[in-house]
């Protein structure tokens, strides 16, 4: 192509380019940020996809709060989301997608900052309809990690044996396990969870 013609095409692209709107993905209790891997590539074609790590069970930030006697609540996690958006994205209004506990977090954020929200998408949000009996809770209660992992998937056959083994190993990590259990206690999900013999939550 003639260099002058190429330059005209390049100038046209620059003039028509628009930075895509930010799409914020907030995972729930049973997932981590990797849970979005199957969707991120497709969504990135249309949005500036962000996946804030606001709940890392073995993370230093979470354990600093635990060691200081603070609870891991929806309000606390919402504060972390707000801080992330204010400091590292800074382009409201945001498209927010929340799965499970993430649904509670983005709803709380939207109630506090409606002017910063363009659209909300809730995927199986927890805590919005009274007491809940969640498969994940049953899996934690009985140390049935296959039940816990399968609760994340609409089609349970996607929960491979390898994934179950990873979660089983995670629960052998005292720091990770402590982070999970403190989060369960501090969020509404714990209201349906009771200790029992053989449960990771001790004592009964």
N, C-alpha and C. Protein backbone atom coordinates (compact mmCIF):
# COMPACT_ATOMS: atom_id res chain seq x y z
N UNK A 1 0.85 -1.20 0.00
CA UNK A 1 0.00 0.00 0.00
C UNK A 1 0.88 1.24 0.00
N UNK A 2 0.44 2.23 -0.77
CA UNK A 2 1.15 3.50 -0.82
C UNK A 2 1.26 4.10 0.58
N UNK A 3 2.47 4.57 0.99
CA UNK A 3 2.65 5.12 2.34
C UNK A 3 1.68 6.25 2.67
N UNK A 4 1.36 7.09 1.69
CA UNK A 4 0.43 8.20 1.95
C UNK A 4 -0.98 7.69 2.24
N UNK A 5 -1.37 6.66 1.48
CA UNK A 5 -2.70 6.07 1.71
C UNK A 5 -2.74 5.39 3.07
N UNK A 6 -1.67 4.66 3.42
CA UNK A 6 -1.60 4.00 4.73
C UNK A 6 -1.72 5.02 5.85
N UNK A 7 -1.06 6.15 5.68
CA UNK A 7 -1.11 7.20 6.70
C UNK A 7 -2.53 7.71 6.89
N UNK A 8 -3.28 7.85 5.78
CA UNK A 8 -4.68 8.30 5.88
C UNK A 8 -5.52 7.29 6.65
N UNK A 9 -5.30 5.98 6.40
CA UNK A 9 -6.02 4.93 7.11
C UNK A 9 -5.70 4.98 8.61
N UNK A 10 -4.41 5.18 8.92
CA UNK A 10 -3.99 5.24 10.33
C UNK A 10 -4.63 6.43 11.04
N UNK A 11 -4.68 7.58 10.36
CA UNK A 11 -5.31 8.76 10.95
C UNK A 11 -6.79 8.53 11.19
N UNK A 12 -7.43 7.83 10.25
CA UNK A 12 -8.87 7.53 10.41
C UNK A 12 -9.10 6.65 11.63
N UNK A 13 -8.24 5.64 11.81
CA UNK A 13 -8.38 4.76 12.98
C UNK A 13 -8.22 5.55 14.27
N UNK A 14 -7.25 6.45 14.32
CA UNK A 14 -7.03 7.25 15.53
C UNK A 14 -8.24 8.11 15.85
N UNK A 15 -8.86 8.67 14.81
CA UNK A 15 -10.00 9.56 15.03
C UNK A 15 -11.24 8.79 15.49
N UNK A 16 -11.38 7.54 15.04
CA UNK A 16 -12.59 6.77 15.36
C UNK A 16 -12.40 5.89 16.60
N UNK A 17 -11.19 5.80 17.13
CA UNK A 17 -10.94 4.94 18.29
C UNK A 17 -11.63 5.48 19.53
N UNK A 18 -12.29 4.60 20.25
CA UNK A 18 -12.88 4.94 21.54
C UNK A 18 -12.47 3.89 22.55
N UNK A 19 -11.97 4.33 23.67
CA UNK A 19 -11.58 3.37 24.70
C UNK A 19 -12.83 2.68 25.22
N UNK A 20 -12.84 1.35 25.26
CA UNK A 20 -14.05 0.65 25.69
C UNK A 20 -14.39 0.93 27.14
N UNK A 21 -15.68 0.82 27.44
CA UNK A 21 -16.15 1.07 28.80
C UNK A 21 -15.62 0.00 29.76
N UNK A 22 -15.33 0.37 31.01
CA UNK A 22 -14.83 -0.62 31.98
C UNK A 22 -15.92 -1.59 32.41
N UNK A 23 -15.58 -2.86 32.38
CA UNK A 23 -16.45 -3.94 32.85
C UNK A 23 -15.76 -4.58 34.04
N UNK A 24 -16.40 -4.50 35.22
CA UNK A 24 -15.79 -4.96 36.47
C UNK A 24 -16.42 -6.28 36.88
N UNK A 25 -15.60 -7.33 37.03
CA UNK A 25 -16.09 -8.66 37.39
C UNK A 25 -15.73 -8.95 38.84
N UNK A 26 -16.75 -9.25 39.65
CA UNK A 26 -16.54 -9.49 41.08
C UNK A 26 -17.01 -10.90 41.40
N UNK A 27 -16.06 -11.75 41.81
CA UNK A 27 -16.39 -13.15 42.07
C UNK A 27 -16.99 -13.35 43.45
N UNK A 28 -17.47 -14.56 43.69
CA UNK A 28 -18.13 -14.88 44.96
C UNK A 28 -17.26 -15.68 45.90
N UNK A 29 -17.91 -16.30 46.88
CA UNK A 29 -17.19 -17.04 47.91
C UNK A 29 -16.45 -18.26 47.37
N UNK A 30 -17.11 -19.00 46.50
CA UNK A 30 -16.55 -20.28 46.08
C UNK A 30 -15.60 -20.14 44.91
N UNK A 31 -15.43 -18.92 44.41
CA UNK A 31 -14.56 -18.72 43.26
C UNK A 31 -13.43 -17.76 43.61
N UNK A 32 -12.46 -17.71 42.71
CA UNK A 32 -11.46 -16.66 42.73
C UNK A 32 -11.49 -16.02 41.34
N UNK A 33 -10.60 -15.08 41.09
CA UNK A 33 -10.68 -14.33 39.84
C UNK A 33 -10.55 -15.23 38.61
N UNK A 34 -9.89 -16.38 38.75
CA UNK A 34 -9.73 -17.30 37.62
C UNK A 34 -11.06 -17.83 37.11
N UNK A 35 -12.13 -17.70 37.92
CA UNK A 35 -13.43 -18.23 37.54
C UNK A 35 -13.97 -17.64 36.25
N UNK A 36 -13.47 -16.45 35.88
CA UNK A 36 -13.99 -15.77 34.70
C UNK A 36 -13.24 -16.13 33.43
N UNK A 37 -12.33 -17.11 33.48
CA UNK A 37 -11.41 -17.33 32.36
C UNK A 37 -12.16 -17.64 31.06
N UNK A 38 -13.28 -18.33 31.14
CA UNK A 38 -13.98 -18.75 29.92
C UNK A 38 -14.68 -17.59 29.22
N UNK A 39 -14.90 -16.49 29.93
CA UNK A 39 -15.65 -15.37 29.37
C UNK A 39 -14.79 -14.15 29.05
N UNK A 40 -13.65 -14.05 29.70
CA UNK A 40 -12.87 -12.80 29.62
C UNK A 40 -12.43 -12.47 28.19
N UNK A 41 -12.01 -13.47 27.43
CA UNK A 41 -11.54 -13.20 26.07
C UNK A 41 -12.64 -12.59 25.22
N UNK A 42 -13.84 -13.17 25.29
CA UNK A 42 -14.96 -12.65 24.49
C UNK A 42 -15.36 -11.26 24.96
N UNK A 43 -15.46 -11.06 26.27
CA UNK A 43 -15.89 -9.75 26.78
C UNK A 43 -14.85 -8.66 26.51
N UNK A 44 -13.59 -9.06 26.45
CA UNK A 44 -12.53 -8.08 26.21
C UNK A 44 -12.60 -7.46 24.83
N UNK A 45 -13.33 -8.07 23.92
CA UNK A 45 -13.50 -7.50 22.59
C UNK A 45 -14.41 -6.26 22.62
N UNK A 46 -15.19 -6.16 23.68
CA UNK A 46 -16.18 -5.08 23.76
C UNK A 46 -15.99 -4.15 24.96
N UNK A 47 -15.25 -4.62 25.97
CA UNK A 47 -15.10 -3.86 27.21
C UNK A 47 -13.64 -3.87 27.65
N UNK A 48 -13.33 -2.92 28.52
CA UNK A 48 -12.05 -2.91 29.22
C UNK A 48 -12.26 -3.70 30.51
N UNK A 49 -11.93 -4.98 30.47
CA UNK A 49 -12.29 -5.91 31.55
C UNK A 49 -11.31 -5.79 32.72
N UNK A 50 -11.87 -5.63 33.92
CA UNK A 50 -11.09 -5.57 35.15
C UNK A 50 -11.62 -6.64 36.12
N UNK A 51 -10.68 -7.32 36.78
CA UNK A 51 -11.07 -8.34 37.77
C UNK A 51 -10.35 -8.03 39.07
N UNK A 52 -10.93 -7.20 39.94
CA UNK A 52 -10.25 -6.80 41.18
C UNK A 52 -10.11 -7.98 42.15
N UNK A 53 -8.94 -8.10 42.72
CA UNK A 53 -8.67 -9.17 43.71
C UNK A 53 -9.02 -8.63 45.10
N UNK A 54 -10.31 -8.49 45.38
CA UNK A 54 -10.71 -7.92 46.66
C UNK A 54 -10.88 -8.99 47.74
N UNK A 55 -10.90 -10.27 47.34
CA UNK A 55 -11.06 -11.34 48.31
C UNK A 55 -10.11 -12.47 47.96
N UNK A 56 -8.91 -12.41 48.56
CA UNK A 56 -7.89 -13.45 48.37
C UNK A 56 -7.70 -14.13 49.72
N UNK A 57 -8.12 -15.36 49.83
CA UNK A 57 -8.21 -16.01 51.13
C UNK A 57 -6.88 -16.14 51.87
N UNK A 58 -5.79 -16.26 51.14
CA UNK A 58 -4.49 -16.35 51.81
C UNK A 58 -3.68 -15.06 51.62
N UNK A 59 -4.37 -13.98 51.24
CA UNK A 59 -3.70 -12.71 51.01
C UNK A 59 -3.33 -11.98 52.29
N UNK A 60 -2.24 -11.23 52.25
CA UNK A 60 -1.77 -10.51 53.43
C UNK A 60 -2.76 -9.44 53.89
N UNK A 61 -3.43 -8.78 52.94
CA UNK A 61 -4.37 -7.71 53.30
C UNK A 61 -5.54 -8.26 54.11
N UNK A 62 -6.10 -9.37 53.65
CA UNK A 62 -7.22 -9.99 54.37
C UNK A 62 -6.79 -10.43 55.77
N UNK A 63 -5.61 -11.03 55.86
CA UNK A 63 -5.17 -11.55 57.16
C UNK A 63 -4.72 -10.44 58.10
N UNK A 64 -4.30 -9.33 57.57
CA UNK A 64 -4.01 -8.18 58.43
C UNK A 64 -5.29 -7.73 59.12
N UNK A 65 -6.39 -7.68 58.36
CA UNK A 65 -7.67 -7.30 58.97
C UNK A 65 -8.11 -8.32 60.01
N UNK A 66 -7.96 -9.60 59.68
CA UNK A 66 -8.35 -10.66 60.62
C UNK A 66 -7.52 -10.55 61.90
N UNK A 67 -6.21 -10.38 61.76
CA UNK A 67 -5.32 -10.31 62.93
C UNK A 67 -5.61 -9.08 63.79
N UNK A 68 -6.15 -8.02 63.16
CA UNK A 68 -6.50 -6.82 63.91
C UNK A 68 -7.88 -6.93 64.56
N UNK A 69 -8.54 -8.07 64.37
CA UNK A 69 -9.84 -8.30 65.00
C UNK A 69 -11.03 -7.82 64.17
N UNK A 70 -10.78 -7.41 62.94
CA UNK A 70 -11.87 -6.95 62.08
C UNK A 70 -12.60 -8.12 61.44
N UNK A 71 -13.86 -7.90 61.09
CA UNK A 71 -14.66 -8.92 60.42
C UNK A 71 -14.57 -8.74 58.91
N UNK A 72 -14.74 -9.85 58.20
CA UNK A 72 -14.77 -9.82 56.74
C UNK A 72 -16.23 -9.80 56.31
N UNK A 73 -16.76 -8.62 56.12
CA UNK A 73 -18.18 -8.43 55.84
C UNK A 73 -18.39 -7.92 54.42
N UNK A 74 -19.65 -7.89 54.01
CA UNK A 74 -19.99 -7.32 52.71
C UNK A 74 -19.59 -5.84 52.66
N UNK A 75 -19.80 -5.12 53.76
CA UNK A 75 -19.40 -3.71 53.80
C UNK A 75 -17.90 -3.55 53.61
N UNK A 76 -17.13 -4.39 54.27
CA UNK A 76 -15.66 -4.33 54.13
C UNK A 76 -15.24 -4.62 52.70
N UNK A 77 -15.83 -5.64 52.09
CA UNK A 77 -15.47 -5.99 50.72
C UNK A 77 -15.93 -4.92 49.73
N UNK A 78 -17.06 -4.27 50.02
CA UNK A 78 -17.52 -3.17 49.19
C UNK A 78 -16.56 -1.99 49.27
N UNK A 79 -16.04 -1.72 50.47
CA UNK A 79 -15.04 -0.66 50.63
C UNK A 79 -13.81 -0.95 49.78
N UNK A 80 -13.40 -2.22 49.74
CA UNK A 80 -12.23 -2.59 48.94
C UNK A 80 -12.50 -2.41 47.45
N UNK A 81 -13.71 -2.75 47.02
CA UNK A 81 -14.07 -2.54 45.62
C UNK A 81 -14.05 -1.05 45.29
N UNK A 82 -14.63 -0.23 46.16
CA UNK A 82 -14.67 1.22 45.93
C UNK A 82 -13.26 1.79 45.84
N UNK A 83 -12.37 1.34 46.73
CA UNK A 83 -10.99 1.81 46.71
C UNK A 83 -10.30 1.42 45.40
N UNK A 84 -10.53 0.20 44.96
CA UNK A 84 -9.93 -0.27 43.70
C UNK A 84 -10.40 0.60 42.53
N UNK A 85 -11.71 0.84 42.46
CA UNK A 85 -12.25 1.63 41.34
C UNK A 85 -11.75 3.07 41.39
N UNK A 86 -11.71 3.65 42.59
CA UNK A 86 -11.29 5.04 42.74
C UNK A 86 -9.81 5.24 42.41
N UNK A 87 -8.98 4.26 42.75
CA UNK A 87 -7.54 4.44 42.62
C UNK A 87 -6.95 3.84 41.34
N UNK A 88 -7.58 2.78 40.82
CA UNK A 88 -6.93 2.05 39.73
C UNK A 88 -7.74 1.98 38.44
N UNK A 89 -8.96 2.45 38.44
CA UNK A 89 -9.76 2.48 37.21
C UNK A 89 -10.11 3.92 36.86
N UNK A 90 -10.82 4.60 37.75
CA UNK A 90 -11.06 6.04 37.65
C UNK A 90 -11.80 6.45 36.37
N UNK A 91 -12.70 5.58 35.89
CA UNK A 91 -13.46 5.93 34.69
C UNK A 91 -14.93 5.53 34.82
N UNK A 92 -15.63 6.08 35.81
CA UNK A 92 -17.05 5.78 35.90
C UNK A 92 -17.80 6.44 34.74
N UNK A 93 -19.02 5.96 34.46
CA UNK A 93 -19.75 4.92 35.17
C UNK A 93 -19.28 3.52 34.75
N UNK A 94 -19.43 2.56 35.66
CA UNK A 94 -18.93 1.21 35.46
C UNK A 94 -20.05 0.23 35.15
N UNK A 95 -19.72 -0.77 34.33
CA UNK A 95 -20.58 -1.94 34.16
C UNK A 95 -20.08 -2.97 35.18
N UNK A 96 -20.95 -3.38 36.08
CA UNK A 96 -20.55 -4.28 37.16
C UNK A 96 -21.24 -5.63 37.01
N UNK A 97 -20.46 -6.70 37.10
CA UNK A 97 -20.99 -8.06 37.06
C UNK A 97 -20.56 -8.76 38.33
N UNK A 98 -21.53 -9.29 39.08
CA UNK A 98 -21.21 -9.97 40.34
C UNK A 98 -21.80 -11.36 40.38
N UNK A 99 -20.99 -12.32 40.80
CA UNK A 99 -21.43 -13.71 40.94
C UNK A 99 -21.54 -14.05 42.43
N UNK A 100 -22.69 -14.63 42.82
CA UNK A 100 -22.88 -15.09 44.20
C UNK A 100 -22.66 -13.94 45.19
N UNK A 101 -21.70 -14.07 46.10
CA UNK A 101 -21.40 -12.99 47.04
C UNK A 101 -21.03 -11.71 46.31
N UNK A 102 -20.41 -11.83 45.15
CA UNK A 102 -20.09 -10.66 44.35
C UNK A 102 -21.32 -9.84 44.00
N UNK A 103 -22.48 -10.52 43.88
CA UNK A 103 -23.72 -9.80 43.63
C UNK A 103 -24.09 -8.88 44.78
N UNK A 104 -23.92 -9.36 46.01
CA UNK A 104 -24.17 -8.51 47.18
C UNK A 104 -23.23 -7.31 47.19
N UNK A 105 -21.99 -7.56 46.83
CA UNK A 105 -20.98 -6.48 46.89
C UNK A 105 -21.31 -5.39 45.88
N UNK A 106 -21.63 -5.77 44.64
CA UNK A 106 -21.89 -4.72 43.65
C UNK A 106 -23.22 -4.02 43.90
N UNK A 107 -24.20 -4.72 44.48
CA UNK A 107 -25.46 -4.06 44.86
C UNK A 107 -25.21 -3.02 45.95
N UNK A 108 -24.39 -3.38 46.93
CA UNK A 108 -24.06 -2.44 48.00
C UNK A 108 -23.31 -1.24 47.44
N UNK A 109 -22.38 -1.50 46.52
CA UNK A 109 -21.65 -0.40 45.89
C UNK A 109 -22.61 0.51 45.12
N UNK A 110 -23.54 -0.09 44.38
CA UNK A 110 -24.48 0.69 43.58
C UNK A 110 -25.39 1.54 44.45
N UNK A 111 -25.78 1.00 45.62
CA UNK A 111 -26.62 1.78 46.54
C UNK A 111 -25.87 2.97 47.11
N UNK A 112 -24.57 2.80 47.33
CA UNK A 112 -23.74 3.90 47.87
C UNK A 112 -23.37 4.92 46.80
N UNK A 113 -23.11 4.43 45.58
CA UNK A 113 -22.58 5.30 44.53
C UNK A 113 -23.36 5.11 43.23
N UNK A 114 -24.65 5.41 43.22
CA UNK A 114 -25.45 5.18 42.00
C UNK A 114 -24.93 5.94 40.79
N UNK A 115 -24.30 7.09 41.03
CA UNK A 115 -23.80 7.89 39.92
C UNK A 115 -22.61 7.24 39.22
N UNK A 116 -22.00 6.24 39.86
CA UNK A 116 -20.83 5.57 39.28
C UNK A 116 -21.17 4.29 38.54
N UNK A 117 -22.46 3.97 38.45
CA UNK A 117 -22.86 2.68 37.89
C UNK A 117 -23.66 2.88 36.60
N UNK A 118 -23.20 2.22 35.54
CA UNK A 118 -23.94 2.24 34.27
C UNK A 118 -24.95 1.10 34.23
N UNK A 119 -24.46 -0.13 34.45
CA UNK A 119 -25.34 -1.30 34.43
C UNK A 119 -24.85 -2.32 35.46
N UNK A 120 -25.81 -3.12 35.95
CA UNK A 120 -25.52 -4.20 36.89
C UNK A 120 -25.98 -5.53 36.29
N UNK A 121 -25.15 -6.55 36.46
CA UNK A 121 -25.55 -7.91 36.10
C UNK A 121 -25.30 -8.79 37.32
N UNK A 122 -26.34 -9.47 37.80
CA UNK A 122 -26.22 -10.34 38.97
C UNK A 122 -26.33 -11.79 38.50
N UNK A 123 -25.33 -12.59 38.85
CA UNK A 123 -25.32 -14.01 38.50
C UNK A 123 -25.51 -14.81 39.78
N UNK A 124 -26.69 -15.40 39.95
CA UNK A 124 -26.99 -16.18 41.16
C UNK A 124 -26.57 -15.43 42.42
N UNK A 125 -27.07 -14.23 42.64
CA UNK A 125 -26.61 -13.45 43.80
C UNK A 125 -27.07 -14.07 45.11
N UNK A 126 -26.19 -14.07 46.09
CA UNK A 126 -26.54 -14.58 47.42
C UNK A 126 -27.00 -13.43 48.30
N UNK A 127 -27.72 -13.80 49.37
CA UNK A 127 -28.06 -12.82 50.38
C UNK A 127 -29.18 -11.87 50.04
N UNK A 128 -29.94 -12.13 48.99
CA UNK A 128 -30.99 -11.20 48.60
C UNK A 128 -32.40 -11.74 48.84
N UNK A 129 -32.49 -12.96 49.42
CA UNK A 129 -33.82 -13.52 49.65
C UNK A 129 -33.83 -14.41 50.89
N UNK A 130 -33.78 -13.78 52.05
CA UNK A 130 -33.91 -14.53 53.30
C UNK A 130 -32.80 -15.55 53.51
N UNK A 131 -33.11 -16.58 54.31
CA UNK A 131 -32.14 -17.64 54.59
C UNK A 131 -31.92 -18.46 53.32
N UNK A 132 -30.71 -18.92 53.14
CA UNK A 132 -30.35 -19.67 51.96
C UNK A 132 -29.72 -21.00 52.35
N UNK A 133 -29.98 -22.02 51.54
CA UNK A 133 -29.30 -23.29 51.69
C UNK A 133 -28.48 -23.47 50.43
N UNK A 134 -27.20 -23.19 50.52
CA UNK A 134 -26.34 -23.19 49.34
C UNK A 134 -25.54 -24.48 49.27
N UNK A 135 -25.39 -25.04 48.05
CA UNK A 135 -24.56 -26.25 47.91
C UNK A 135 -23.16 -26.05 48.44
N UNK A 136 -22.61 -24.85 48.25
CA UNK A 136 -21.26 -24.60 48.75
C UNK A 136 -21.20 -24.79 50.26
N UNK A 137 -22.23 -24.30 50.97
CA UNK A 137 -22.25 -24.42 52.42
C UNK A 137 -22.27 -25.88 52.85
N UNK A 138 -23.06 -26.68 52.11
CA UNK A 138 -23.12 -28.11 52.42
C UNK A 138 -21.76 -28.76 52.22
N UNK A 139 -21.06 -28.34 51.15
CA UNK A 139 -19.74 -28.90 50.88
C UNK A 139 -18.74 -28.57 51.97
N UNK A 140 -18.79 -27.32 52.49
CA UNK A 140 -17.89 -26.93 53.58
C UNK A 140 -18.25 -27.68 54.85
N UNK A 141 -19.55 -27.78 55.13
CA UNK A 141 -19.99 -28.38 56.37
C UNK A 141 -19.52 -29.82 56.49
N UNK A 142 -19.58 -30.56 55.40
CA UNK A 142 -19.28 -31.99 55.46
C UNK A 142 -17.91 -32.34 54.87
N UNK A 143 -17.10 -31.32 54.59
CA UNK A 143 -15.80 -31.55 53.97
C UNK A 143 -15.92 -32.32 52.66
N UNK A 144 -17.03 -32.09 51.94
CA UNK A 144 -17.24 -32.72 50.64
C UNK A 144 -16.86 -31.70 49.57
N UNK A 145 -15.61 -31.73 49.18
CA UNK A 145 -15.10 -30.69 48.32
C UNK A 145 -15.64 -30.79 46.90
N UNK A 146 -16.07 -31.99 46.48
CA UNK A 146 -16.70 -32.10 45.17
C UNK A 146 -18.02 -31.34 45.15
N UNK A 147 -18.77 -31.38 46.28
CA UNK A 147 -20.01 -30.62 46.37
C UNK A 147 -19.74 -29.13 46.32
N UNK A 148 -18.70 -28.70 47.00
CA UNK A 148 -18.33 -27.28 47.02
C UNK A 148 -17.98 -26.81 45.61
N UNK A 149 -17.13 -27.56 44.90
CA UNK A 149 -16.69 -27.15 43.57
C UNK A 149 -17.84 -27.18 42.57
N UNK A 150 -18.65 -28.23 42.62
CA UNK A 150 -19.75 -28.35 41.66
C UNK A 150 -20.79 -27.25 41.84
N UNK A 151 -20.87 -26.68 43.03
CA UNK A 151 -21.86 -25.62 43.28
C UNK A 151 -21.58 -24.37 42.45
N UNK A 152 -20.35 -24.23 41.95
CA UNK A 152 -19.97 -23.05 41.18
C UNK A 152 -20.46 -23.15 39.74
N UNK A 153 -20.70 -24.38 39.26
CA UNK A 153 -21.00 -24.59 37.85
C UNK A 153 -22.48 -24.88 37.63
N UNK A 154 -23.03 -24.28 36.55
CA UNK A 154 -24.40 -24.61 36.14
C UNK A 154 -24.48 -26.06 35.70
N UNK A 155 -23.47 -26.52 34.99
CA UNK A 155 -23.37 -27.93 34.59
C UNK A 155 -22.24 -28.56 35.38
N UNK A 156 -22.62 -29.42 36.31
CA UNK A 156 -21.65 -29.94 37.28
C UNK A 156 -20.52 -30.74 36.65
N UNK A 157 -20.73 -31.27 35.43
CA UNK A 157 -19.68 -32.10 34.84
C UNK A 157 -18.43 -31.29 34.48
N UNK A 158 -18.56 -29.94 34.49
CA UNK A 158 -17.38 -29.11 34.25
C UNK A 158 -16.46 -29.09 35.48
N UNK A 159 -16.95 -29.51 36.62
CA UNK A 159 -16.12 -29.56 37.83
C UNK A 159 -15.29 -30.84 37.80
N UNK A 160 -14.09 -30.74 37.29
CA UNK A 160 -13.26 -31.92 37.11
C UNK A 160 -12.67 -32.41 38.43
N UNK A 161 -12.19 -33.63 38.41
CA UNK A 161 -11.54 -34.19 39.59
C UNK A 161 -10.31 -33.38 39.98
N UNK A 162 -9.64 -32.82 38.96
CA UNK A 162 -8.45 -32.00 39.24
C UNK A 162 -8.81 -30.76 40.04
N UNK A 163 -9.95 -30.12 39.69
CA UNK A 163 -10.40 -28.94 40.43
C UNK A 163 -10.72 -29.30 41.88
N UNK A 164 -11.39 -30.43 42.06
CA UNK A 164 -11.73 -30.87 43.41
C UNK A 164 -10.48 -31.11 44.23
N UNK A 165 -9.46 -31.70 43.61
CA UNK A 165 -8.20 -31.96 44.30
C UNK A 165 -7.52 -30.66 44.71
N UNK A 166 -7.59 -29.65 43.85
CA UNK A 166 -6.98 -28.36 44.17
C UNK A 166 -7.65 -27.75 45.41
N UNK A 167 -8.99 -27.78 45.46
CA UNK A 167 -9.70 -27.22 46.62
C UNK A 167 -9.41 -28.03 47.88
N UNK A 168 -9.34 -29.35 47.75
CA UNK A 168 -9.02 -30.19 48.91
C UNK A 168 -7.64 -29.83 49.45
N UNK A 169 -6.67 -29.58 48.56
CA UNK A 169 -5.33 -29.18 49.00
C UNK A 169 -5.35 -27.81 49.63
N UNK A 170 -6.16 -26.90 49.07
CA UNK A 170 -6.25 -25.55 49.63
C UNK A 170 -6.70 -25.59 51.08
N UNK A 171 -7.65 -26.46 51.39
CA UNK A 171 -8.16 -26.54 52.76
C UNK A 171 -7.13 -27.11 53.72
N UNK A 172 -6.04 -27.66 53.21
CA UNK A 172 -4.95 -28.10 54.08
C UNK A 172 -4.01 -26.94 54.43
N UNK A 173 -4.16 -25.82 53.71
CA UNK A 173 -3.37 -24.62 53.98
C UNK A 173 -4.09 -23.82 55.06
N UNK A 174 -3.51 -23.73 56.24
CA UNK A 174 -4.19 -23.12 57.39
C UNK A 174 -4.54 -21.66 57.14
N UNK A 175 -3.66 -20.93 56.45
CA UNK A 175 -3.92 -19.51 56.19
C UNK A 175 -5.10 -19.36 55.24
N UNK A 176 -5.12 -20.14 54.18
CA UNK A 176 -6.21 -20.07 53.20
C UNK A 176 -7.54 -20.47 53.85
N UNK A 177 -7.48 -21.56 54.61
CA UNK A 177 -8.68 -22.05 55.28
C UNK A 177 -9.22 -21.02 56.27
N UNK A 178 -8.34 -20.38 57.01
CA UNK A 178 -8.76 -19.35 57.97
C UNK A 178 -9.44 -18.20 57.25
N UNK A 179 -8.87 -17.80 56.10
CA UNK A 179 -9.48 -16.72 55.32
C UNK A 179 -10.87 -17.08 54.84
N UNK A 180 -11.05 -18.32 54.37
CA UNK A 180 -12.37 -18.78 53.92
C UNK A 180 -13.38 -18.74 55.07
N UNK A 181 -13.00 -19.31 56.19
CA UNK A 181 -13.95 -19.44 57.30
C UNK A 181 -14.29 -18.09 57.92
N UNK A 182 -13.32 -17.20 58.00
CA UNK A 182 -13.61 -15.86 58.51
C UNK A 182 -14.55 -15.12 57.57
N UNK A 183 -14.40 -15.34 56.27
CA UNK A 183 -15.30 -14.71 55.30
C UNK A 183 -16.70 -15.29 55.42
N UNK A 184 -16.79 -16.60 55.59
CA UNK A 184 -18.10 -17.23 55.78
C UNK A 184 -18.79 -16.70 57.03
N UNK A 185 -18.03 -16.53 58.10
CA UNK A 185 -18.62 -16.03 59.34
C UNK A 185 -19.07 -14.58 59.20
N UNK A 186 -18.34 -13.79 58.42
CA UNK A 186 -18.63 -12.37 58.35
C UNK A 186 -19.68 -11.97 57.35
N UNK A 187 -19.99 -12.86 56.40
CA UNK A 187 -20.99 -12.55 55.39
C UNK A 187 -22.29 -13.28 55.70
N UNK A 188 -23.33 -12.90 55.00
CA UNK A 188 -24.66 -13.46 55.30
C UNK A 188 -24.73 -14.96 55.05
N UNK A 189 -23.81 -15.48 54.22
CA UNK A 189 -23.85 -16.90 53.91
C UNK A 189 -23.70 -17.77 55.15
N UNK A 190 -23.01 -17.26 56.17
CA UNK A 190 -22.75 -18.08 57.35
C UNK A 190 -24.01 -18.33 58.16
N UNK A 191 -25.06 -17.57 57.93
CA UNK A 191 -26.27 -17.74 58.72
C UNK A 191 -26.91 -19.11 58.50
N UNK A 192 -26.64 -19.70 57.34
CA UNK A 192 -27.19 -21.02 57.07
C UNK A 192 -26.19 -22.13 57.35
N UNK A 193 -25.03 -21.77 57.90
CA UNK A 193 -23.96 -22.75 58.12
C UNK A 193 -23.83 -23.03 59.61
N UNK A 194 -23.87 -24.28 60.01
CA UNK A 194 -23.71 -24.68 61.40
C UNK A 194 -22.59 -25.70 61.50
N UNK A 195 -21.81 -25.60 62.55
CA UNK A 195 -20.71 -26.54 62.75
C UNK A 195 -21.25 -27.93 63.04
N UNK A 196 -20.48 -28.94 62.66
CA UNK A 196 -20.86 -30.32 62.96
C UNK A 196 -19.58 -31.16 62.95
N UNK A 197 -19.63 -32.38 63.51
CA UNK A 197 -18.44 -33.23 63.54
C UNK A 197 -17.91 -33.47 62.12
N UNK A 198 -16.60 -33.34 61.97
CA UNK A 198 -15.98 -33.56 60.68
C UNK A 198 -15.94 -32.33 59.80
N UNK A 199 -16.56 -31.23 60.24
CA UNK A 199 -16.55 -30.01 59.44
C UNK A 199 -15.23 -29.27 59.62
N UNK A 200 -14.81 -28.50 58.59
CA UNK A 200 -13.61 -27.66 58.76
C UNK A 200 -13.83 -26.59 59.81
N UNK A 201 -15.10 -26.28 60.16
CA UNK A 201 -15.37 -25.27 61.18
C UNK A 201 -15.45 -25.97 62.52
N UNK A 202 -14.54 -25.68 63.39
CA UNK A 202 -14.47 -26.31 64.71
C UNK A 202 -14.35 -25.24 65.79
N UNK A 203 -14.79 -25.49 67.01
CA UNK A 203 -15.49 -26.70 67.43
C UNK A 203 -16.98 -26.62 67.17
N UNK A 204 -17.71 -27.71 67.43
CA UNK A 204 -19.16 -27.71 67.28
C UNK A 204 -19.79 -27.05 68.50
